[in-house]
Protein backbone atom coordinates (compact mmCIF):
# COMPACT_ATOMS: atom_id res chain seq x y z
CA MET A 1 -23.54 96.71 170.45
CA THR A 2 -25.92 99.60 170.59
CA THR A 3 -24.43 103.03 170.35
CA VAL A 4 -25.80 105.72 172.64
CA ARG A 5 -24.95 109.48 171.84
CA SER A 6 -23.95 111.68 174.76
CA ILE A 7 -22.46 114.90 175.59
CA VAL A 8 -20.26 116.09 178.62
CA ARG A 9 -21.92 118.69 180.85
CA ARG A 10 -20.15 119.81 184.07
CA GLY A 11 -17.86 116.82 183.75
CA ILE A 12 -20.86 114.47 183.60
CA ARG A 13 -21.67 112.36 180.60
CA VAL A 14 -25.25 112.84 179.76
CA PHE A 15 -27.19 110.79 177.17
CA THR A 16 -28.91 112.96 174.69
CA GLU A 17 -29.99 110.39 172.08
CA ALA A 18 -30.69 106.62 172.71
CA PRO A 19 -32.66 103.82 171.17
CA ALA A 20 -36.28 103.89 172.47
CA GLU A 21 -35.87 100.60 174.26
CA TYR A 22 -32.96 101.83 176.15
CA ALA A 23 -34.39 105.11 177.12
CA ALA A 24 -37.72 103.56 178.14
CA LYS A 25 -35.89 101.59 180.77
CA MET A 26 -34.59 104.58 182.61
CA THR A 27 -37.18 107.41 182.34
CA THR A 28 -39.83 106.62 185.01
CA ASP A 29 -39.54 107.03 188.67
CA ARG A 30 -40.56 103.44 189.18
CA ASP A 31 -37.71 102.17 187.03
CA ILE A 32 -35.11 104.20 188.80
CA ALA A 33 -36.39 102.85 192.14
CA ARG A 34 -36.21 99.29 190.83
CA TRP A 35 -32.66 100.00 189.64
CA ARG A 36 -31.82 101.11 193.15
CA LEU A 37 -32.96 97.71 194.57
CA ARG A 38 -30.06 96.14 192.66
CA SER A 39 -27.53 98.86 193.26
CA GLN A 40 -28.25 98.75 196.89
CA LEU A 41 -28.04 95.01 197.04
CA LEU A 42 -31.64 94.46 198.02
CA ALA A 43 -32.24 92.53 194.84
CA ALA A 44 -28.72 91.39 194.37
CA PRO A 45 -27.48 90.26 197.76
CA VAL A 46 -23.79 89.61 198.47
CA PRO A 47 -22.22 86.94 200.68
CA THR A 48 -21.31 88.88 203.75
CA ALA A 49 -22.15 91.87 206.07
CA GLU A 50 -18.69 93.23 205.57
CA GLU A 51 -19.10 93.31 201.80
CA VAL A 52 -22.45 95.12 202.27
CA VAL A 53 -20.78 97.80 204.43
CA ARG A 54 -17.87 98.12 201.99
CA THR A 55 -20.09 98.30 198.93
CA LEU A 56 -22.60 100.90 200.24
CA THR A 57 -19.54 102.88 201.70
CA ALA A 58 -21.79 103.80 204.79
CA VAL A 59 -25.07 102.38 206.16
CA GLN A 60 -27.01 104.62 208.63
CA ALA A 61 -27.04 102.84 212.07
CA GLU A 62 -28.78 105.12 214.52
CA ASN A 63 -30.92 102.23 215.73
CA ALA A 64 -28.47 99.42 216.21
CA SER A 65 -30.96 96.53 216.26
CA GLN A 66 -32.86 97.57 213.20
CA SER A 67 -29.81 98.74 211.32
CA ALA A 68 -28.45 95.28 211.76
CA TRP A 69 -31.29 94.03 209.54
CA ALA A 70 -30.51 96.73 206.99
CA VAL A 71 -27.14 95.21 206.56
CA ALA A 72 -28.31 91.47 206.83
CA THR A 73 -31.27 91.75 204.43
CA ARG A 74 -28.59 92.73 201.72
CA THR A 75 -26.78 89.36 202.37
CA ALA A 76 -27.61 86.07 200.67
CA SER A 77 -27.89 84.28 204.12
CA PRO A 78 -28.84 86.78 206.75
CA ARG A 79 -27.13 85.90 210.12
CA GLN A 80 -26.97 88.01 213.21
CA GLU A 81 -23.38 86.79 213.89
CA ASP A 82 -22.20 88.09 210.46
CA LEU A 83 -22.26 91.79 211.20
CA ALA A 84 -21.59 91.18 214.92
CA GLY A 85 -18.33 89.39 214.01
CA ALA A 86 -17.25 92.28 211.66
CA LEU A 87 -17.85 94.75 214.46
CA ALA A 88 -16.13 92.71 217.15
CA ASP A 89 -12.88 92.38 215.19
CA GLY A 90 -12.89 95.76 213.74
CA ARG A 91 -13.49 95.22 210.11
CA ALA A 92 -16.58 97.23 210.39
CA LEU A 93 -17.15 100.24 212.65
CA ARG A 94 -20.18 101.95 214.02
CA ILE A 95 -19.29 105.60 214.24
CA HIS A 96 -20.55 109.19 213.66
CA VAL A 97 -19.50 109.94 210.03
CA LEU A 98 -20.96 111.75 206.98
CA ARG A 99 -23.71 113.33 209.04
CA SER A 100 -24.07 113.87 212.78
CA THR A 101 -25.52 110.34 213.26
CA TRP A 102 -24.30 106.79 213.41
CA HIS A 103 -23.19 104.91 210.38
CA TYR A 104 -21.62 101.47 209.89
CA VAL A 105 -18.30 101.92 207.72
CA HIS A 106 -15.54 99.64 206.73
CA ALA A 107 -12.37 100.20 208.72
CA ASP A 108 -10.56 100.88 205.46
CA ASP A 109 -12.84 103.80 204.76
CA ALA A 110 -13.24 105.33 208.17
CA LEU A 111 -10.39 107.90 208.17
CA TRP A 112 -10.64 109.23 204.68
CA LEU A 113 -14.43 109.50 205.11
CA GLN A 114 -13.98 111.43 208.35
CA GLU A 115 -11.23 113.72 206.95
CA LEU A 116 -13.45 114.56 203.92
CA THR A 117 -16.73 115.15 205.73
CA SER A 118 -15.83 116.27 209.19
CA PRO A 119 -15.33 120.16 208.43
CA ARG A 120 -19.18 120.35 207.83
CA VAL A 121 -20.11 117.86 210.49
CA MET A 122 -18.08 119.03 213.46
CA PRO A 123 -19.80 122.42 213.82
CA VAL A 124 -23.03 120.46 214.72
CA PHE A 125 -21.26 118.99 217.72
CA GLU A 126 -19.37 122.05 218.70
CA GLN A 127 -22.50 124.15 218.73
CA GLN A 128 -24.34 121.63 221.03
CA LEU A 129 -21.30 121.25 223.23
CA GLN A 130 -20.87 125.07 223.68
CA PRO A 131 -21.98 125.11 227.34
CA ILE A 132 -19.02 122.90 228.25
CA ALA A 133 -16.60 124.23 225.60
CA GLY A 134 -14.02 125.19 228.31
CA ARG A 135 -13.94 121.63 229.55
CA LEU A 136 -13.48 119.81 226.21
CA GLY A 137 -9.65 119.53 226.35
CA ALA A 138 -9.72 117.84 229.73
CA LEU A 139 -12.72 115.67 228.95
CA ASP A 140 -11.05 114.45 225.62
CA ASP A 141 -7.86 113.58 227.57
CA ALA A 142 -9.74 111.79 230.14
CA VAL A 143 -11.77 109.61 227.84
CA GLU A 144 -8.56 108.70 225.90
CA ALA A 145 -6.70 107.92 228.96
CA MET A 146 -9.50 105.56 230.14
CA LEU A 147 -9.63 103.73 226.80
CA ALA A 148 -5.86 103.49 226.63
CA GLU A 149 -5.94 101.82 230.10
CA SER A 150 -8.89 99.51 229.30
CA PRO A 151 -10.63 99.52 225.84
CA ASP A 152 -14.10 98.32 224.95
CA ARG A 153 -15.79 100.40 227.53
CA THR A 154 -19.51 101.24 227.38
CA ARG A 155 -20.97 104.74 227.72
CA SER A 156 -21.97 103.91 231.32
CA ASP A 157 -18.36 102.92 232.12
CA LEU A 158 -17.00 106.16 230.70
CA ALA A 159 -19.65 108.17 232.59
CA ASP A 160 -18.58 106.58 235.82
CA GLY A 161 -14.81 107.08 235.01
CA LEU A 162 -15.44 110.79 234.25
CA ALA A 163 -17.27 111.28 237.50
CA GLU A 164 -14.58 109.67 239.37
CA ARG A 165 -12.09 112.09 237.82
CA GLY A 166 -14.15 115.09 238.79
CA GLU A 167 -15.53 115.65 235.21
CA PRO A 168 -19.24 114.49 235.43
CA LEU A 169 -21.39 114.92 232.34
CA THR A 170 -24.98 114.43 231.62
CA GLY A 171 -25.96 111.45 229.40
CA HIS A 172 -26.65 113.73 226.36
CA GLN A 173 -23.48 115.75 226.88
CA LEU A 174 -21.47 112.51 227.00
CA MET A 175 -23.09 111.16 223.80
CA LEU A 176 -22.15 114.51 222.05
CA LEU A 177 -18.57 114.41 223.32
CA LEU A 178 -18.08 110.84 222.12
CA GLY A 179 -19.53 111.69 218.78
CA ARG A 180 -17.31 114.68 218.51
CA LEU A 181 -14.25 112.39 219.35
CA GLU A 182 -15.33 109.99 216.58
CA VAL A 183 -15.43 112.79 213.99
CA LEU A 184 -11.94 113.66 215.14
CA SER A 185 -10.92 110.04 214.51
CA ARG A 186 -9.74 109.67 218.15
CA VAL A 187 -12.13 107.07 219.32
CA CYS A 188 -14.45 104.55 217.52
CA SER A 189 -16.64 101.55 218.25
CA GLY A 190 -15.01 98.77 220.20
CA VAL A 191 -15.77 95.11 220.73
CA PRO A 192 -19.47 94.88 221.61
CA ARG A 193 -20.15 93.62 225.20
CA ASP A 194 -23.30 91.38 225.44
CA GLY A 195 -24.70 93.17 222.41
CA GLU A 196 -24.00 96.63 223.84
CA HIS A 197 -22.01 99.26 222.00
CA THR A 198 -18.57 99.97 223.40
CA TYR A 199 -15.74 102.48 222.60
CA ALA A 200 -12.03 102.17 221.98
CA LEU A 201 -9.20 104.15 220.70
CA PHE A 202 -9.35 104.82 216.85
CA ALA A 203 -5.63 104.22 216.47
CA ASP A 204 -5.89 100.79 218.17
CA ARG A 205 -8.83 99.60 216.12
CA VAL A 206 -7.45 101.03 212.77
CA PRO A 207 -3.68 100.86 213.12
CA SER A 208 -3.00 101.25 209.36
CA PRO A 209 -5.70 103.70 208.12
CA ARG A 210 -6.17 104.33 204.49
CA ARG A 211 -5.61 107.95 203.63
CA LEU A 212 -6.72 110.00 200.45
CA ASP A 213 -6.04 113.55 199.60
CA ARG A 214 -9.20 115.62 199.21
CA ASP A 215 -9.59 115.39 195.51
CA GLU A 216 -8.93 111.64 195.46
CA ALA A 217 -11.46 111.27 198.33
CA LEU A 218 -14.18 113.42 196.41
CA ALA A 219 -13.76 111.18 193.20
CA GLU A 220 -13.81 107.91 195.24
CA LEU A 221 -16.91 109.04 197.17
CA ALA A 222 -18.79 110.07 193.99
CA LEU A 223 -17.85 106.84 192.22
CA ARG A 224 -18.87 104.62 195.06
CA TYR A 225 -22.07 106.52 196.06
CA PHE A 226 -23.47 106.56 192.52
CA THR A 227 -22.37 102.89 192.03
CA SER A 228 -24.05 101.68 195.21
CA HIS A 229 -26.96 104.24 195.37
CA GLY A 230 -27.55 105.14 191.80
CA PRO A 231 -29.34 106.39 189.87
CA ALA A 232 -29.09 109.46 192.01
CA THR A 233 -28.53 113.21 191.63
CA GLU A 234 -25.62 115.51 192.68
CA ARG A 235 -27.87 116.87 195.37
CA ASP A 236 -28.64 113.45 196.74
CA LEU A 237 -24.98 112.96 197.33
CA ALA A 238 -24.43 116.41 198.81
CA TYR A 239 -27.09 115.70 201.34
CA TRP A 240 -25.94 112.20 202.07
CA ALA A 241 -22.31 113.29 202.76
CA THR A 242 -22.91 116.68 204.03
CA LEU A 243 -20.88 118.17 201.14
CA THR A 244 -21.40 121.28 199.06
CA VAL A 245 -22.80 120.76 195.56
CA THR A 246 -19.52 122.34 194.27
CA ASP A 247 -17.40 119.61 195.94
CA VAL A 248 -19.77 116.95 194.61
CA ARG A 249 -19.30 118.21 191.13
CA ARG A 250 -15.59 118.17 191.51
CA GLY A 251 -15.84 114.53 192.53
CA ILE A 252 -18.09 113.67 189.61
CA ALA A 253 -15.73 115.38 187.30
CA ALA A 254 -12.80 113.46 188.65
CA ALA A 255 -14.53 110.15 188.32
CA GLY A 256 -14.92 110.82 184.62
CA ASP A 257 -16.17 108.04 182.37
CA ARG A 258 -16.38 105.63 185.29
CA LEU A 259 -19.93 107.08 185.67
CA ASP A 260 -22.75 107.43 183.20
CA SER A 261 -25.88 109.56 183.51
CA PHE A 262 -29.16 110.39 182.02
CA GLU A 263 -31.72 113.08 182.20
CA HIS A 264 -35.14 112.58 184.00
CA ASP A 265 -37.70 115.06 185.04
CA GLY A 266 -35.39 117.97 184.58
CA ARG A 267 -32.54 116.41 186.69
CA THR A 268 -29.40 114.54 185.82
CA PHE A 269 -29.06 111.04 187.36
CA LEU A 270 -25.80 109.41 187.67
CA HIS A 271 -25.04 105.63 187.99
CA ALA A 272 -22.47 102.95 187.23
CA PRO A 273 -21.97 102.35 183.50
CA GLY A 274 -24.29 99.74 182.00
CA GLU A 275 -28.03 99.40 181.04
CA THR A 276 -30.69 99.47 183.70
CA PRO A 277 -30.93 96.02 185.36
CA ALA A 278 -34.21 93.99 185.23
CA SER A 279 -36.40 93.61 188.31
CA ALA A 280 -35.56 90.59 190.56
CA ALA A 281 -36.83 88.71 193.57
CA PRO A 282 -37.70 89.29 196.39
CA ALA A 283 -40.49 91.60 195.62
CA GLY A 284 -41.28 92.55 199.16
CA HIS A 285 -38.97 94.39 201.84
CA LEU A 286 -39.66 95.35 205.40
CA LEU A 287 -37.33 98.12 206.25
CA GLN A 288 -36.74 100.87 208.79
CA VAL A 289 -37.30 104.39 207.65
CA LEU A 290 -33.60 105.13 208.11
CA ASP A 291 -32.78 102.52 205.51
CA GLU A 292 -30.56 103.63 202.75
CA MET A 293 -33.42 103.08 200.26
CA TYR A 294 -35.04 106.04 201.95
CA ARG A 295 -32.45 108.03 203.83
CA GLY A 296 -29.83 107.54 201.21
CA TYR A 297 -31.47 110.29 199.17
CA GLN A 298 -33.13 113.64 199.68
CA ASP A 299 -33.47 115.34 196.20
CA SER A 300 -34.96 112.21 194.59
CA ARG A 301 -36.05 110.24 197.60
CA TRP A 302 -39.63 109.89 196.43
CA MET A 303 -38.72 107.65 193.45
CA ILE A 304 -40.21 105.00 195.82
CA ASP A 305 -43.61 106.64 195.58
CA ALA A 306 -44.11 106.90 191.86
CA ASP A 307 -47.99 106.94 192.21
CA GLY A 308 -47.92 109.61 194.97
CA VAL A 309 -49.92 107.41 197.54
CA VAL A 310 -47.73 108.20 200.51
CA PRO A 311 -48.94 111.07 202.78
CA LYS A 312 -46.29 113.69 202.89
CA VAL A 313 -46.50 114.36 206.61
CA ARG A 314 -43.96 114.84 209.31
CA GLU A 315 -41.50 111.94 209.26
CA SER A 316 -41.86 109.54 212.14
CA ALA A 317 -39.45 106.77 213.32
CA ILE A 318 -41.44 103.98 211.79
CA GLY A 319 -40.73 101.33 209.29
CA MET A 320 -41.86 100.89 205.71
CA ALA A 321 -43.00 98.07 203.48
CA LEU A 322 -41.67 98.18 199.85
CA LEU A 323 -43.18 96.15 197.04
CA ASP A 324 -41.37 96.18 193.71
CA ALA A 325 -39.27 99.11 195.08
CA GLN A 326 -42.43 101.21 195.90
CA LEU A 327 -43.35 102.35 199.41
CA VAL A 328 -46.86 100.91 199.85
CA ALA A 329 -47.33 100.85 203.67
CA ALA A 330 -46.02 102.06 206.92
CA MET A 331 -44.82 99.39 209.17
CA LYS A 332 -44.15 99.10 213.02
CA ARG A 333 -42.06 96.36 214.31
CA THR A 334 -42.54 94.86 217.96
CA VAL A 335 -40.25 92.34 219.25
CA THR A 336 -41.07 90.06 222.28
CA ALA A 337 -39.37 86.87 223.57
CA LYS A 338 -41.16 84.63 221.21
CA ALA A 339 -42.18 86.65 218.14
CA VAL A 340 -41.65 89.74 216.02
CA THR A 341 -44.97 91.39 214.96
CA PHE A 342 -45.10 93.80 212.02
CA ALA A 343 -48.02 96.04 212.08
CA VAL A 344 -48.69 97.09 208.44
CA HIS A 345 -50.70 100.21 207.64
CA PRO A 346 -51.20 100.18 203.73
CA HIS A 347 -51.29 103.45 201.82
CA ARG A 348 -53.41 101.76 199.20
CA THR A 349 -55.38 98.55 198.66
CA LEU A 350 -52.96 95.61 198.39
CA SER A 351 -53.66 92.53 196.13
CA LYS A 352 -53.41 89.09 197.40
CA ARG A 353 -50.01 88.59 195.74
CA GLU A 354 -48.72 91.80 197.29
CA ILE A 355 -49.89 90.65 200.78
CA GLU A 356 -48.12 87.43 200.31
CA ALA A 357 -44.82 89.20 199.35
CA ILE A 358 -45.04 91.23 202.55
CA LYS A 359 -45.63 88.03 204.51
CA ASP A 360 -42.52 86.50 202.80
CA ALA A 361 -40.54 89.66 203.76
CA ALA A 362 -41.69 89.25 207.40
CA SER A 363 -40.76 85.67 207.37
CA ARG A 364 -37.21 86.42 206.21
CA TYR A 365 -36.83 89.04 209.02
CA GLY A 366 -38.18 86.51 211.60
CA ASP A 367 -35.72 83.91 210.47
CA PHE A 368 -32.90 86.40 210.99
CA LEU A 369 -34.07 87.24 214.57
CA GLY A 370 -34.83 83.64 215.35
CA LEU A 371 -38.44 84.48 216.16
CA GLU A 372 -41.82 83.60 214.78
CA ALA A 373 -42.93 86.35 212.31
CA ARG A 374 -46.49 87.75 212.61
CA VAL A 375 -48.04 90.27 210.37
CA GLN A 376 -51.05 92.33 211.17
CA PHE A 377 -52.66 94.41 208.55
CA ASP A 378 -55.14 97.21 209.19
CA GLY A 379 -58.61 95.67 209.67
CA ASP A 380 -57.21 92.27 210.71
C-alpha cells in the first residue's frame, strides 16, 4: 500500500507529500468535479430515493417537480413513485431547513438539523414577519390547532381556516409563517394530496426524533457533508448549512481521521478517506440550477467550469447541462401533456459525442416523466 505523508492543520489532515500518480488525480478543478459526481451519487446511483436523501443529508427542493428529478437521477431506476412514497409515509420530509428554503431531509435527520441550523435561519423569517409580529402567537396556535384536528392540509386549506378564525394572511405571509413553524420543528410536510404539498404536525410525523447535542451534530454534519459533497472546503459547508466557519472547523476537528484532505489552489479540500474515484457513466446530466452539484457549494462552486466558458452573469432560474462533470450549456425544460422539451444553449461548441450524451440524459429524464423527450440546440 502506498504511504501518503500528511500533517494536521486546524484539526484537518492535510496531504503534504504524495506519489505523483496520487497527487495528479486530485489537483485539477476538473478532477474535483468528477469526484463530486460519485460522492453525489450522479455517477454511483443507489437503489432508492430514501437512500439518496439520507446520503446527501439534505437536497434543495424549492421547485418540487424539478427537485424530484434531482433525487430520482441519483437512483439506479428512477421512478416518480419512489420519492412520492417516501414523502407520503414520512420517511422523507420537505421542509425549510439549513437555509431559508425547502429541502428534502430524512425524518431521522430533521430535528437535529433544525436545532443545529435554526439559530441563524430563524432571523430571516422573523425579519420578514415583523409587520405581523404581534399576531404570531395566535397564528401559530391556530395553525397547530387546525393540523391537530385534521392533518395533511394544503396551504389554501390553512389560509381558509385562518380567515374563518379572524386571522387572515396574504399568501406570502402564510408561506413565511409556515416556514418559520417548520424551522421551529412544530410543523412539517404531510401526505401529498394529488401531488400538492400539505402540512402536518411535526410531532405526528416524527414521533421519535433523533437528537444530538451541538458538538455531536457539528461532527456528524461535517462528516456527512464532506462524504456526500466532497471534495469541498470549509466555506462551502458554512454556506450550505448557514453556519459560521468557526462552527464548521469544530465539526471537522471532531470528525478527526474520518475525513481526509488535500491542498488545491490555495484551499483545503476535505473528503471521505480514499483515493479519487475514476470517471464513470453516464457522461451527461440535465439538472436544475438548484441541484446540489451547483447549489451545494459556494466557495468552490466553479469546479464545474474548469475552462471558464460559463458567463458569470446574474444567476437565473434555469437548468444546466453537465458533460463529464463540466457545465457546458444552459438548459430550459418545458413540459406539455405529451412531451418534455429541453432547450439547450451551449457555452461552447459541442462534439457529436457530447450532443449524444446530452440526448441520452434527456431520454432518461423523459422516461422518468413518462413523456417523449425532445432536445433543441441553438440553431436547430
